[in-house]
Protein backbone atom coordinates (compact mmCIF):
# COMPACT_ATOMS: atom_id res chain seq x y z
CA UNK A 1 3.27 -1.45 25.54
CA UNK A 2 2.50 -2.60 22.05
CA UNK A 3 5.14 -2.96 19.38
CA UNK A 4 4.56 -3.79 16.02
CA UNK A 5 7.07 -4.09 13.42
CA UNK A 6 8.58 -7.17 10.79
CA UNK A 7 9.72 -10.51 13.19
CA UNK A 8 13.23 -9.74 12.86
CA UNK A 9 13.02 -6.13 14.23
CA UNK A 10 10.37 -7.58 16.95
CA UNK A 11 11.84 -10.66 18.91
CA UNK A 12 14.89 -9.26 20.32
CA UNK A 13 12.93 -6.16 21.75
CA UNK A 14 10.02 -9.14 23.71
CA UNK A 15 13.17 -10.81 24.52
CA UNK A 16 14.89 -7.75 26.12
CA UNK A 17 11.62 -6.93 27.33
CA UNK A 18 11.31 -10.23 28.97
CA UNK A 19 13.76 -9.91 31.02
CA UNK A 20 12.46 -6.49 32.65
CA UNK A 21 8.44 -7.38 32.81
CA UNK A 22 6.31 -10.61 33.32
CA UNK A 23 3.69 -9.60 31.40
CA UNK A 24 5.58 -9.95 27.92
CA UNK A 25 4.08 -12.27 25.14
CA UNK A 26 5.32 -12.07 21.00
CA UNK A 27 1.80 -12.31 19.19
CA UNK A 28 2.27 -12.93 15.58
CA UNK A 29 -0.16 -12.13 12.82
CA UNK A 30 -1.24 -14.22 10.17
CA UNK A 31 -2.33 -12.09 7.98
CA UNK A 32 -0.66 -10.61 5.42
CA UNK A 33 -3.59 -9.05 3.95
CA UNK A 34 -1.73 -5.90 1.65
CA UNK A 35 -4.31 -5.64 -1.21
CA UNK A 36 -4.48 -3.26 -4.64
CA UNK A 37 -7.13 -1.78 -2.14
CA UNK A 38 -5.32 -0.32 0.04
CA UNK A 39 -3.16 1.21 -2.26
CA UNK A 40 -6.10 2.91 -3.89
CA UNK A 41 -7.59 3.69 -0.54
CA UNK A 42 -4.83 6.16 -0.54
CA UNK A 43 -4.61 7.40 -4.15
CA UNK A 44 -8.37 8.54 -3.46
CA UNK A 45 -6.97 10.64 -1.40
CA UNK A 46 -4.12 12.07 -3.03
CA UNK A 47 -2.50 10.70 -5.80
CA UNK A 48 0.22 11.37 -5.72
CA UNK A 49 0.89 8.86 -2.66
CA UNK A 50 4.34 7.82 -2.22
CA UNK A 51 2.70 5.02 -0.16
CA UNK A 52 -0.10 4.14 -2.75
CA UNK A 53 1.86 3.90 -5.19
CA UNK A 54 4.47 1.70 -3.58
CA UNK A 55 1.79 -0.75 -2.33
CA UNK A 56 0.27 -1.08 -6.11
CA UNK A 57 4.11 -1.94 -6.75
CA UNK A 58 4.19 -4.61 -4.67
CA UNK A 59 0.82 -5.75 -6.01
CA UNK A 60 0.66 -4.75 -9.45
CA UNK A 61 4.67 -4.12 -10.95
CA UNK A 62 5.24 -2.61 -13.68
CA UNK A 63 8.58 -2.63 -15.55
CA UNK A 64 11.46 -1.25 -13.54
CA UNK A 65 9.30 -1.62 -10.37
CA UNK A 66 11.86 -2.22 -7.70
CA UNK A 67 14.42 0.46 -9.39
CA UNK A 68 11.58 3.49 -9.09
CA UNK A 69 11.23 2.16 -5.86
CA UNK A 70 15.31 2.14 -5.02
CA UNK A 71 15.56 5.64 -6.46
CA UNK A 72 12.58 7.15 -4.91
CA UNK A 73 13.76 5.91 -1.49
CA UNK A 74 17.31 7.40 -1.94
CA UNK A 75 15.01 10.80 -2.60
CA UNK A 76 16.38 10.64 -6.51
CA UNK A 77 13.05 11.02 -7.59
CA UNK A 78 9.55 11.52 -6.78
CA UNK A 79 8.43 8.10 -7.19
CA UNK A 80 4.47 8.89 -8.28
CA UNK A 81 6.38 11.04 -11.36
CA UNK A 82 8.62 8.76 -12.29
CA UNK A 83 6.27 6.00 -13.20
CA UNK A 84 5.21 4.96 -16.60
CA UNK A 85 2.19 7.24 -17.56
CA UNK A 86 0.08 4.17 -19.18
CA UNK A 87 0.96 2.63 -15.06
CA UNK A 88 -0.40 5.79 -13.61
CA UNK A 89 -3.13 5.98 -15.66
CA UNK A 90 -4.61 2.77 -15.60
CA UNK A 91 -5.26 3.15 -11.69
CA UNK A 92 -6.57 6.07 -11.75
CA UNK A 93 -9.89 5.00 -12.49
CA UNK A 94 -10.16 2.20 -9.82
CA UNK A 95 -8.79 5.08 -7.45
CA UNK A 96 -11.43 7.48 -8.24
CA UNK A 97 -14.01 4.93 -8.10
CA UNK A 98 -12.68 4.33 -3.99
CA UNK A 99 -12.54 7.85 -3.82
CA UNK A 100 -16.13 7.97 -4.43
CA UNK A 101 -17.06 5.53 -2.27
CA UNK A 102 -15.09 6.99 0.60
CA UNK A 103 -16.71 10.24 -0.10
CA UNK A 104 -20.62 8.27 0.65
CA UNK A 105 -21.54 7.59 -3.08
CA UNK A 106 -22.62 5.34 -4.67
CA UNK A 107 -21.30 3.65 -7.74
CA UNK A 108 -23.48 3.47 -10.72
CA UNK A 109 -23.95 0.07 -12.83
CA UNK A 110 -21.24 1.13 -15.44
CA UNK A 111 -19.07 2.08 -12.66
CA UNK A 112 -19.08 -0.90 -10.93
CA UNK A 113 -19.01 -3.21 -14.39
CA UNK A 114 -15.94 -1.39 -15.25
CA UNK A 115 -14.15 -2.00 -12.35
CA UNK A 116 -12.21 -5.15 -12.66
CA UNK A 117 -9.16 -6.24 -11.32
CA UNK A 118 -6.26 -6.40 -12.65
CA UNK A 119 -7.37 -2.53 -14.84
CA UNK A 120 -6.83 -2.58 -18.06
């Protein structure tokens, strides 16, 4: 059995399972590893991806990001639709480039040159 999650959740489960099973190990990852690319991968397939936008808001927050996420989590608003238009458009280009790469296309020299982080 593999249990994955935040440590505050996994530790008690591990302790409980150790009471019943002999071969229980708690392995902690040292790799945080969430990047804008993780968000762009999701936006490349669906530009309104809630998870994609939450990842980008984590690594490149816009004004009021915490409030937008909170309202979206309470199902009051669609997260993608409630983002500032400038923020959405700033990330459209990188998401489009990732989509091309995922589809097996090569990027032109101009596209590579325009793909700086953070996007402007």
